[in-house]
């Protein structure tokens, strides 16, 4: 059983910063990638950022230059540093892990006020 525990969401003013964390625990043989998705009300879930086991990263265009994904392999933890936040970044952010199977966290709310 793999468990993903997210933390770091909250309410912030536009232009502010937040750092999300996601710690994975359980029987994980090999993690291929970890990342973050988000889902705003009335919208589809979208990939925000992903980091592979080889440390390659990819971001959705709307967050490039503002968000940074990083990973601590020893702790099976992935981070998302979010700077210059905008109201349109408001969403529930979900941690994602891809190994032999895919796993999701429970989600953490990020709200950016204008």
Protein backbone atom coordinates (compact mmCIF):
# COMPACT_ATOMS: atom_id res chain seq x y z
CA UNK A 1 0.00 0.00 0.00
CA UNK A 2 1.41 3.37 -1.07
CA UNK A 3 0.37 6.52 0.70
CA UNK A 4 0.96 10.11 -0.40
CA UNK A 5 0.63 12.85 2.21
CA UNK A 6 0.52 16.44 1.01
CA UNK A 7 1.05 19.60 3.00
CA UNK A 8 1.67 23.29 2.48
CA UNK A 9 -1.51 24.55 0.88
CA UNK A 10 -3.36 27.59 2.12
CA UNK A 11 -4.52 31.12 1.41
CA UNK A 12 -2.10 33.68 0.02
CA UNK A 13 -2.36 37.05 -1.67
CA UNK A 14 -1.49 37.48 -5.31
CA UNK A 15 2.26 37.79 -5.72
CA UNK A 16 2.92 35.63 -2.70
CA UNK A 17 4.55 32.23 -2.37
CA UNK A 18 3.69 28.78 -1.09
CA UNK A 19 5.62 25.54 -0.91
CA UNK A 20 3.83 22.23 -1.27
CA UNK A 21 5.30 18.98 -0.02
CA UNK A 22 4.31 15.41 -0.72
CA UNK A 23 5.81 12.48 1.14
CA UNK A 24 5.37 8.97 -0.20
CA UNK A 25 5.42 5.94 2.06
CA UNK A 26 4.75 2.25 1.71
CA UNK A 27 5.98 -0.48 -0.59
CA UNK A 28 7.55 1.38 -3.49
CA UNK A 29 10.05 -0.57 -5.52
CA UNK A 30 10.96 2.07 -8.06
CA UNK A 31 9.55 5.54 -8.52
CA UNK A 32 9.58 6.61 -12.16
CA UNK A 33 8.17 10.08 -11.64
CA UNK A 34 6.47 12.32 -9.13
CA UNK A 35 4.55 15.46 -9.78
CA UNK A 36 1.66 17.76 -9.15
CA UNK A 37 -1.68 18.16 -10.83
CA UNK A 38 -4.32 20.73 -10.04
CA UNK A 39 -8.04 21.06 -10.52
CA UNK A 40 -9.93 24.32 -10.35
CA UNK A 41 -13.72 24.41 -9.93
CA UNK A 42 -15.45 23.55 -13.17
CA UNK A 43 -12.20 22.66 -14.93
CA UNK A 44 -10.41 19.47 -15.79
CA UNK A 45 -7.44 18.29 -13.78
CA UNK A 46 -4.22 19.45 -15.41
CA UNK A 47 -0.59 18.56 -15.00
CA UNK A 48 1.33 21.36 -13.31
CA UNK A 49 4.82 19.92 -12.99
CA UNK A 50 6.56 16.57 -13.04
CA UNK A 51 10.04 15.35 -12.16
CA UNK A 52 11.38 12.00 -13.29
CA UNK A 53 13.76 9.63 -11.55
CA UNK A 54 16.47 11.11 -13.74
CA UNK A 55 15.61 14.61 -12.47
CA UNK A 56 14.13 15.79 -15.74
CA UNK A 57 11.37 18.31 -15.19
CA UNK A 58 8.41 19.51 -17.15
CA UNK A 59 5.94 22.31 -16.46
CA UNK A 60 2.68 23.53 -17.86
CA UNK A 61 3.31 26.76 -19.73
CA UNK A 62 1.26 28.87 -17.34
CA UNK A 63 3.62 28.23 -14.41
CA UNK A 64 6.99 28.26 -16.15
CA UNK A 65 9.34 30.71 -14.49
CA UNK A 66 7.19 30.86 -11.35
CA UNK A 67 6.99 27.30 -10.04
CA UNK A 68 9.86 24.94 -9.32
CA UNK A 69 9.53 21.22 -8.69
CA UNK A 70 12.20 19.34 -6.77
CA UNK A 71 12.60 15.97 -5.18
CA UNK A 72 14.39 14.36 -2.26
CA UNK A 73 14.92 10.77 -3.33
CA UNK A 74 16.12 9.65 0.08
CA UNK A 75 12.85 10.81 1.62
CA UNK A 76 10.59 9.92 -1.34
CA UNK A 77 9.35 13.47 -1.14
CA UNK A 78 8.51 15.94 -3.88
CA UNK A 79 8.19 19.69 -3.45
CA UNK A 80 6.54 22.43 -5.45
CA UNK A 81 7.80 25.93 -4.79
CA UNK A 82 5.22 28.37 -6.08
CA UNK A 83 6.21 32.01 -6.44
CA UNK A 84 4.44 35.03 -7.92
CA UNK A 85 1.12 33.32 -7.37
CA UNK A 86 -1.89 34.50 -9.34
CA UNK A 87 -5.61 34.14 -8.65
CA UNK A 88 -5.80 31.73 -11.57
CA UNK A 89 -3.51 29.38 -9.67
CA UNK A 90 -6.35 28.75 -7.23
CA UNK A 91 -7.14 25.04 -7.26
CA UNK A 92 -6.86 21.80 -5.38
CA UNK A 93 -3.34 20.51 -5.93
CA UNK A 94 -2.82 16.74 -6.07
CA UNK A 95 0.43 14.91 -5.64
CA UNK A 96 1.09 12.15 -8.14
CA UNK A 97 3.50 9.23 -8.12
CA UNK A 98 4.15 6.86 -11.00
CA UNK A 99 5.77 3.56 -10.26
CA UNK A 100 4.53 0.19 -11.52
CA UNK A 101 1.14 1.70 -10.71
CA UNK A 102 0.03 5.29 -10.30
CA UNK A 103 -0.95 6.86 -7.00
CA UNK A 104 -2.62 10.08 -5.95
CA UNK A 105 -2.65 12.16 -2.81
CA UNK A 106 -5.83 13.47 -1.22
CA UNK A 107 -5.28 17.01 -2.46
CA UNK A 108 -4.46 20.30 -0.80
CA UNK A 109 -6.29 23.56 -1.42
CA UNK A 110 -4.38 26.55 -2.72
CA UNK A 111 -6.30 29.82 -2.78
CA UNK A 112 -4.80 33.01 -4.19
CA UNK A 113 -6.69 36.21 -3.45
CA UNK A 114 -6.49 39.25 -5.70
